[in-house]
PDB file of N, CA and C in Angstrom:
ATOM      1  N   MET A   1       0.846  -1.162  -0.004  1.00  0.00           N
ATOM      2  CA  MET A   1      -0.120   0.141  -0.202  1.00  0.00           C
ATOM      3  C   MET A   1       0.838   1.196   0.109  1.00  0.00           C
ATOM      4  N   ARG A   2       0.379   2.174  -0.931  1.00  0.00           N
ATOM      5  CA  ARG A   2       1.479   2.968  -1.178  1.00  0.00           C
ATOM      6  C   ARG A   2       0.188   4.716  -0.911  1.00  0.00           C
ATOM      7  N   LEU A   3       1.013   5.183   0.092  1.00  0.00           N
ATOM      8  CA  LEU A   3      -0.175   6.822   0.568  1.00  0.00           C
ATOM      9  C   LEU A   3       0.762   7.364   0.838  1.00  0.00           C
ATOM     10  N   SER A   4       0.472   8.783   0.801  1.00  0.00           N
ATOM     11  CA  SER A   4       1.317  10.007   0.821  1.00  0.00           C
ATOM     12  C   SER A   4       0.980  10.368   2.525  1.00  0.00           C
ATOM     13  N   THR A   5      -0.180   9.267   3.107  1.00  0.00           N
ATOM     14  CA  THR A   5      -0.233   9.683   4.540  1.00  0.00           C
ATOM     15  C   THR A   5       1.356   9.469   5.516  1.00  0.00           C
ATOM     16  N   ARG A   6       1.893  10.383   6.100  1.00  0.00           N
ATOM     17  CA  ARG A   6       2.840   9.775   6.565  1.00  0.00           C
ATOM     18  C   ARG A   6       2.740   9.496   7.931  1.00  0.00           C
ATOM     19  N   ASN A   7       1.664   9.617   8.801  1.00  0.00           N
ATOM     20  CA  ASN A   7       1.599   9.005  10.225  1.00  0.00           C
ATOM     21  C   ASN A   7       1.024   7.619   9.883  1.00  0.00           C
ATOM     22  N   GLN A   8       1.497   6.698   9.589  1.00  0.00           N
ATOM     23  CA  GLN A   8       1.175   5.105   9.820  1.00  0.00           C
ATOM     24  C   GLN A   8       1.428   4.664  11.021  1.00  0.00           C
ATOM     25  N   LEU A   9       0.292   3.789  11.708  1.00  0.00           N
ATOM     26  CA  LEU A   9       0.827   2.864  12.569  1.00  0.00           C
ATOM     27  C   LEU A   9      -0.027   1.987  12.658  1.00  0.00           C
ATOM     28  N   THR A  10       0.724   0.463  13.010  1.00  0.00           N
ATOM     29  CA  THR A  10       0.338  -0.249  12.793  1.00  0.00           C
ATOM     30  C   THR A  10      -0.322  -1.232  13.653  1.00  0.00           C
ATOM     31  N   GLY A  11      -0.672  -2.121  13.913  1.00  0.00           N
ATOM     32  CA  GLY A  11      -1.572  -2.598  15.068  1.00  0.00           C
ATOM     33  C   GLY A  11      -2.529  -3.824  14.759  1.00  0.00           C
ATOM     34  N   THR A  12      -2.907  -4.307  15.911  1.00  0.00           N
ATOM     35  CA  THR A  12      -4.063  -5.419  15.910  1.00  0.00           C
ATOM     36  C   THR A  12      -5.561  -4.908  16.341  1.00  0.00           C
ATOM     37  N   ILE A  13      -6.483  -5.421  15.756  1.00  0.00           N
ATOM     38  CA  ILE A  13      -7.856  -4.929  16.442  1.00  0.00           C
ATOM     39  C   ILE A  13      -8.520  -5.428  17.188  1.00  0.00           C
ATOM     40  N   THR A  14      -8.461  -5.037  18.449  1.00  0.00           N
ATOM     41  CA  THR A  14      -8.578  -5.694  19.655  1.00  0.00           C
ATOM     42  C   THR A  14     -10.369  -5.649  19.727  1.00  0.00           C
ATOM     43  N   GLU A  15     -11.425  -4.831  19.337  1.00  0.00           N
ATOM     44  CA  GLU A  15     -12.575  -4.558  19.527  1.00  0.00           C
ATOM     45  C   GLU A  15     -13.145  -3.598  17.983  1.00  0.00           C
ATOM     46  N   VAL A  16     -14.342  -3.856  18.321  1.00  0.00           N
ATOM     47  CA  VAL A  16     -15.287  -3.306  17.155  1.00  0.00           C
ATOM     48  C   VAL A  16     -16.885  -3.342  18.051  1.00  0.00           C
ATOM     49  N   THR A  17     -17.252  -2.274  17.682  1.00  0.00           N
ATOM     50  CA  THR A  17     -18.572  -1.743  18.279  1.00  0.00           C
ATOM     51  C   THR A  17     -19.304  -1.566  17.171  1.00  0.00           C
ATOM     52  N   LEU A  18     -20.632  -2.036  16.825  1.00  0.00           N
ATOM     53  CA  LEU A  18     -21.312  -1.473  15.673  1.00  0.00           C
ATOM     54  C   LEU A  18     -22.291  -0.914  16.231  1.00  0.00           C
ATOM     55  N   GLY A  19     -22.852   0.539  15.757  1.00  0.00           N
ATOM     56  CA  GLY A  19     -24.127   1.063  16.016  1.00  0.00           C
ATOM     57  C   GLY A  19     -25.260   1.015  14.751  1.00  0.00           C
ATOM     58  N   SER A  20     -25.866   1.793  14.874  1.00  0.00           N
ATOM     59  CA  SER A  20     -27.145   1.545  13.622  1.00  0.00           C
ATOM     60  C   SER A  20     -26.474   1.837  12.045  1.00  0.00           C
ATOM     61  N   VAL A  21     -25.264   2.906  12.139  1.00  0.00           N
ATOM     62  CA  VAL A  21     -25.030   3.380  10.942  1.00  0.00           C
ATOM     63  C   VAL A  21     -22.922   3.735  11.042  1.00  0.00           C
ATOM     64  N   MET A  22     -22.705   4.061  12.647  1.00  0.00           N
ATOM     65  CA  MET A  22     -21.541   3.991  12.761  1.00  0.00           C
ATOM     66  C   MET A  22     -21.082   2.959  13.450  1.00  0.00           C
ATOM     67  N   ALA A  23     -19.428   2.703  13.491  1.00  0.00           N
ATOM     68  CA  ALA A  23     -18.625   1.964  14.154  1.00  0.00           C
ATOM     69  C   ALA A  23     -17.484   2.484  14.864  1.00  0.00           C
ATOM     70  N   THR A  24     -16.835   2.142  15.842  1.00  0.00           N
ATOM     71  CA  THR A  24     -15.846   2.251  16.840  1.00  0.00           C
ATOM     72  C   THR A  24     -14.600   0.864  16.990  1.00  0.00           C
ATOM     73  N   VAL A  25     -13.740   1.604  16.095  1.00  0.00           N
ATOM     74  CA  VAL A  25     -12.881  -0.085  16.120  1.00  0.00           C
ATOM     75  C   VAL A  25     -11.957   0.447  16.799  1.00  0.00           C
ATOM     76  N   LYS A  26     -11.258  -0.393  17.698  1.00  0.00           N
ATOM     77  CA  LYS A  26      -9.656  -0.075  19.077  1.00  0.00           C
ATOM     78  C   LYS A  26      -9.053  -1.309  18.037  1.00  0.00           C
ATOM     79  N   VAL A  27      -7.829  -0.381  17.834  1.00  0.00           N
ATOM     80  CA  VAL A  27      -6.532  -0.588  17.552  1.00  0.00           C
ATOM     81  C   VAL A  27      -5.804  -1.026  18.548  1.00  0.00           C
ATOM     82  N   ARG A  28      -4.610  -2.002  19.039  1.00  0.00           N
ATOM     83  CA  ARG A  28      -3.505  -2.199  19.694  1.00  0.00           C
ATOM     84  C   ARG A  28      -2.612  -1.605  18.946  1.00  0.00           C
ATOM     85  N   LEU A  29      -1.908  -0.383  19.305  1.00  0.00           N
ATOM     86  CA  LEU A  29      -0.501  -0.412  18.432  1.00  0.00           C
ATOM     87  C   LEU A  29       0.580  -1.571  18.742  1.00  0.00           C
ATOM     88  N   ASP A  30       1.371  -1.682  17.704  1.00  0.00           N
ATOM     89  CA  ASP A  30       2.495  -2.584  17.804  1.00  0.00           C
ATOM     90  C   ASP A  30       3.365  -2.430  18.740  1.00  0.00           C
ATOM     91  N   GLY A  31       4.126  -2.981  19.831  1.00  0.00           N
ATOM     92  CA  GLY A  31       5.157  -2.534  20.192  1.00  0.00           C
ATOM     93  C   GLY A  31       4.727  -2.011  21.529  1.00  0.00           C
ATOM     94  N   GLY A  32       3.618  -2.003  22.294  1.00  0.00           N
ATOM     95  CA  GLY A  32       2.953  -1.151  23.309  1.00  0.00           C
ATOM     96  C   GLY A  32       1.732  -1.709  23.870  1.00  0.00           C
ATOM     97  N   GLU A  33       1.510  -1.071  24.355  1.00  0.00           N
ATOM     98  CA  GLU A  33      -0.250  -0.994  24.892  1.00  0.00           C
ATOM     99  C   GLU A  33      -1.182  -0.343  24.654  1.00  0.00           C
ATOM    100  N   GLN A  34      -0.715   0.978  24.009  1.00  0.00           N
ATOM    101  CA  GLN A  34      -1.384   1.867  23.201  1.00  0.00           C
ATOM    102  C   GLN A  34      -2.463   1.631  22.571  1.00  0.00           C
ATOM    103  N   ILE A  35      -3.956   2.075  22.667  1.00  0.00           N
ATOM    104  CA  ILE A  35      -4.692   1.754  21.809  1.00  0.00           C
ATOM    105  C   ILE A  35      -5.260   3.184  21.351  1.00  0.00           C
ATOM    106  N   VAL A  36      -5.484   3.086  19.786  1.00  0.00           N
ATOM    107  CA  VAL A  36      -6.053   3.847  19.029  1.00  0.00           C
ATOM    108  C   VAL A  36      -7.546   3.611  18.598  1.00  0.00           C
ATOM    109  N   THR A  37      -8.435   4.814  18.836  1.00  0.00           N
ATOM    110  CA  THR A  37     -10.299   4.397  18.531  1.00  0.00           C
ATOM    111  C   THR A  37     -10.525   5.009  17.213  1.00  0.00           C
ATOM    112  N   ALA A  38     -10.840   4.285  16.350  1.00  0.00           N
ATOM    113  CA  ALA A  38     -11.035   4.704  15.114  1.00  0.00           C
ATOM    114  C   ALA A  38     -12.651   5.277  15.184  1.00  0.00           C
ATOM    115  N   SER A  39     -13.197   6.394  14.672  1.00  0.00           N
ATOM    116  CA  SER A  39     -14.745   6.129  13.976  1.00  0.00           C
ATOM    117  C   SER A  39     -14.891   5.819  12.971  1.00  0.00           C
ATOM    118  N   ILE A  40     -15.639   4.945  12.381  1.00  0.00           N
ATOM    119  CA  ILE A  40     -15.934   4.656  10.783  1.00  0.00           C
ATOM    120  C   ILE A  40     -17.133   4.227  10.460  1.00  0.00           C
ATOM    121  N   THR A  41     -17.887   4.350   9.345  1.00  0.00           N
ATOM    122  CA  THR A  41     -19.054   4.297   9.020  1.00  0.00           C
ATOM    123  C   THR A  41     -19.148   2.282   9.025  1.00  0.00           C
ATOM    124  N   LYS A  42     -20.437   1.677   9.512  1.00  0.00           N
ATOM    125  CA  LYS A  42     -20.829   0.188   9.731  1.00  0.00           C
ATOM    126  C   LYS A  42     -20.831  -0.384   8.498  1.00  0.00           C
ATOM    127  N   GLU A  43     -21.029   0.662   7.505  1.00  0.00           N
ATOM    128  CA  GLU A  43     -20.864  -0.016   5.824  1.00  0.00           C
ATOM    129  C   GLU A  43     -18.750  -0.221   5.871  1.00  0.00           C
ATOM    130  N   ALA A  44     -18.472   0.718   6.087  1.00  0.00           N
ATOM    131  CA  ALA A  44     -16.491   0.055   6.227  1.00  0.00           C
ATOM    132  C   ALA A  44     -16.147  -1.076   6.770  1.00  0.00           C
ATOM    133  N   VAL A  45     -17.032  -0.856   8.224  1.00  0.00           N
ATOM    134  CA  VAL A  45     -16.932  -2.379   8.815  1.00  0.00           C
ATOM    135  C   VAL A  45     -16.673  -3.554   8.305  1.00  0.00           C
ATOM    136  N   GLU A  46     -17.864  -3.224   7.651  1.00  0.00           N
ATOM    137  CA  GLU A  46     -18.379  -4.587   6.719  1.00  0.00           C
ATOM    138  C   GLU A  46     -17.868  -4.976   5.373  1.00  0.00           C
ATOM    139  N   GLU A  47     -17.465  -4.145   4.647  1.00  0.00           N
ATOM    140  CA  GLU A  47     -16.626  -4.204   3.484  1.00  0.00           C
ATOM    141  C   GLU A  47     -15.335  -4.771   3.676  1.00  0.00           C
ATOM    142  N   LEU A  48     -14.684  -3.941   4.579  1.00  0.00           N
ATOM    143  CA  LEU A  48     -12.976  -4.579   5.041  1.00  0.00           C
ATOM    144  C   LEU A  48     -12.802  -5.817   5.899  1.00  0.00           C
ATOM    145  N   GLY A  49     -14.161  -6.283   6.362  1.00  0.00           N
ATOM    146  CA  GLY A  49     -14.366  -7.161   6.991  1.00  0.00           C
ATOM    147  C   GLY A  49     -12.948  -7.265   8.646  1.00  0.00           C
ATOM    148  N   LEU A  50     -13.496  -6.189   8.905  1.00  0.00           N
ATOM    149  CA  LEU A  50     -13.381  -5.857  10.264  1.00  0.00           C
ATOM    150  C   LEU A  50     -13.497  -6.124  11.764  1.00  0.00           C
ATOM    151  N   GLN A  51     -12.350  -7.201  12.460  1.00  0.00           N
ATOM    152  CA  GLN A  51     -12.712  -7.510  13.544  1.00  0.00           C
ATOM    153  C   GLN A  51     -11.827  -7.997  14.421  1.00  0.00           C
ATOM    154  N   ALA A  52     -11.546  -8.175  15.407  1.00  0.00           N
ATOM    155  CA  ALA A  52     -10.792  -8.662  16.751  1.00  0.00           C
ATOM    156  C   ALA A  52      -9.540  -9.689  16.077  1.00  0.00           C
ATOM    157  N   GLY A  53      -8.376  -9.224  16.146  1.00  0.00           N
ATOM    158  CA  GLY A  53      -7.736 -10.234  15.580  1.00  0.00           C
ATOM    159  C   GLY A  53      -6.900  -9.418  14.513  1.00  0.00           C
ATOM    160  N   VAL A  54      -7.199  -8.977  13.659  1.00  0.00           N
ATOM    161  CA  VAL A  54      -7.116  -8.862  12.001  1.00  0.00           C
ATOM    162  C   VAL A  54      -5.981  -7.832  12.536  1.00  0.00           C
ATOM    163  N   THR A  55      -4.839  -7.975  11.807  1.00  0.00           N
ATOM    164  CA  THR A  55      -4.031  -6.791  11.856  1.00  0.00           C
ATOM    165  C   THR A  55      -4.336  -5.506  10.603  1.00  0.00           C
ATOM    166  N   ALA A  56      -3.992  -3.882  11.533  1.00  0.00           N
ATOM    167  CA  ALA A  56      -4.831  -3.125  10.724  1.00  0.00           C
ATOM    168  C   ALA A  56      -3.481  -2.118  10.227  1.00  0.00           C
ATOM    169  N   THR A  57      -3.964  -1.115   9.533  1.00  0.00           N
ATOM    170  CA  THR A  57      -2.860   0.009   9.313  1.00  0.00           C
ATOM    171  C   THR A  57      -3.086   1.088   9.728  1.00  0.00           C
ATOM    172  N   VAL A  58      -3.273   2.208  10.979  1.00  0.00           N
ATOM    173  CA  VAL A  58      -4.225   3.520  11.178  1.00  0.00           C
ATOM    174  C   VAL A  58      -3.323   4.221  10.909  1.00  0.00           C
ATOM    175  N   LEU A  59      -4.087   5.539   9.777  1.00  0.00           N
ATOM    176  CA  LEU A  59      -3.813   6.266   9.025  1.00  0.00           C
ATOM    177  C   LEU A  59      -4.088   7.517   9.798  1.00  0.00           C
ATOM    178  N   VAL A  60      -3.374   8.247  10.427  1.00  0.00           N
ATOM    179  CA  VAL A  60      -4.094   9.432  11.038  1.00  0.00           C
ATOM    180  C   VAL A  60      -3.454  10.963   9.775  1.00  0.00           C
ATOM    181  N   LYS A  61      -4.523  11.413   9.384  1.00  0.00           N
ATOM    182  CA  LYS A  61      -4.590  12.653   8.843  1.00  0.00           C
ATOM    183  C   LYS A  61      -5.196  13.923   8.933  1.00  0.00           C
ATOM    184  N   SER A  62      -5.058  15.039   9.970  1.00  0.00           N
ATOM    185  CA  SER A  62      -5.464  15.970  10.111  1.00  0.00           C
ATOM    186  C   SER A  62      -4.937  17.336  10.137  1.00  0.00           C
ATOM    187  N   THR A  63      -5.678  18.153  10.085  1.00  0.00           N
ATOM    188  CA  THR A  63      -5.478  19.932   9.517  1.00  0.00           C
ATOM    189  C   THR A  63      -5.055  20.320  11.089  1.00  0.00           C
ATOM    190  N   GLU A  64      -5.250  19.111  11.904  1.00  0.00           N
ATOM    191  CA  GLU A  64      -5.222  20.226  13.420  1.00  0.00           C
ATOM    192  C   GLU A  64      -4.898  18.921  14.792  1.00  0.00           C
ATOM    193  N   VAL A  65      -4.084  19.608  15.324  1.00  0.00           N
ATOM    194  CA  VAL A  65      -3.630  18.550  16.767  1.00  0.00           C
ATOM    195  C   VAL A  65      -3.938  19.205  18.122  1.00  0.00           C
ATOM    196  N   MET A  66      -4.104  19.377  18.796  1.00  0.00           N
ATOM    197  CA  MET A  66      -4.540  19.816  20.044  1.00  0.00           C
ATOM    198  C   MET A  66      -3.855  19.220  21.147  1.00  0.00           C
ATOM    199  N   LEU A  67      -3.024  19.860  21.745  1.00  0.00           N
ATOM    200  CA  LEU A  67      -2.617  19.213  23.104  1.00  0.00           C
ATOM    201  C   LEU A  67      -2.833  19.672  24.443  1.00  0.00           C
ATOM    202  N   GLY A  68      -3.133  19.443  25.432  1.00  0.00           N
ATOM    203  CA  GLY A  68      -3.052  19.572  26.526  1.00  0.00           C
ATOM    204  C   GLY A  68      -2.633  19.402  27.679  1.00  0.00           C
ATOM    205  N   VAL A  69      -2.148  20.676  28.941  1.00  0.00           N
ATOM    206  CA  VAL A  69      -1.277  20.057  30.076  1.00  0.00           C
ATOM    207  C   VAL A  69      -1.512  20.891  31.044  1.00  0.00           C
ATOM    208  N   ASP A  70      -1.656  20.135  32.277  1.00  0.00           N
ATOM    209  CA  ASP A  70      -1.996  20.115  33.690  1.00  0.00           C
ATOM    210  C   ASP A  70      -0.868  21.613  33.929  1.00  0.00           C
TER     211      ASP A  70
END
């Protein structure tokens, strides 16, 4: 897969929660215990065959990044 997205994180899907239209997919990143949660359409989950145990690449493309500190 060749993409221009620079932030590509590989991991394993740990959980898929389906709603009526949307779904959340949790991915445990390789090399640690960090989890990334993505909100995608239910249709995309079904078309891609996403389920727990499947290896996936998280692609992060954003115009904004916000940080907070105490």
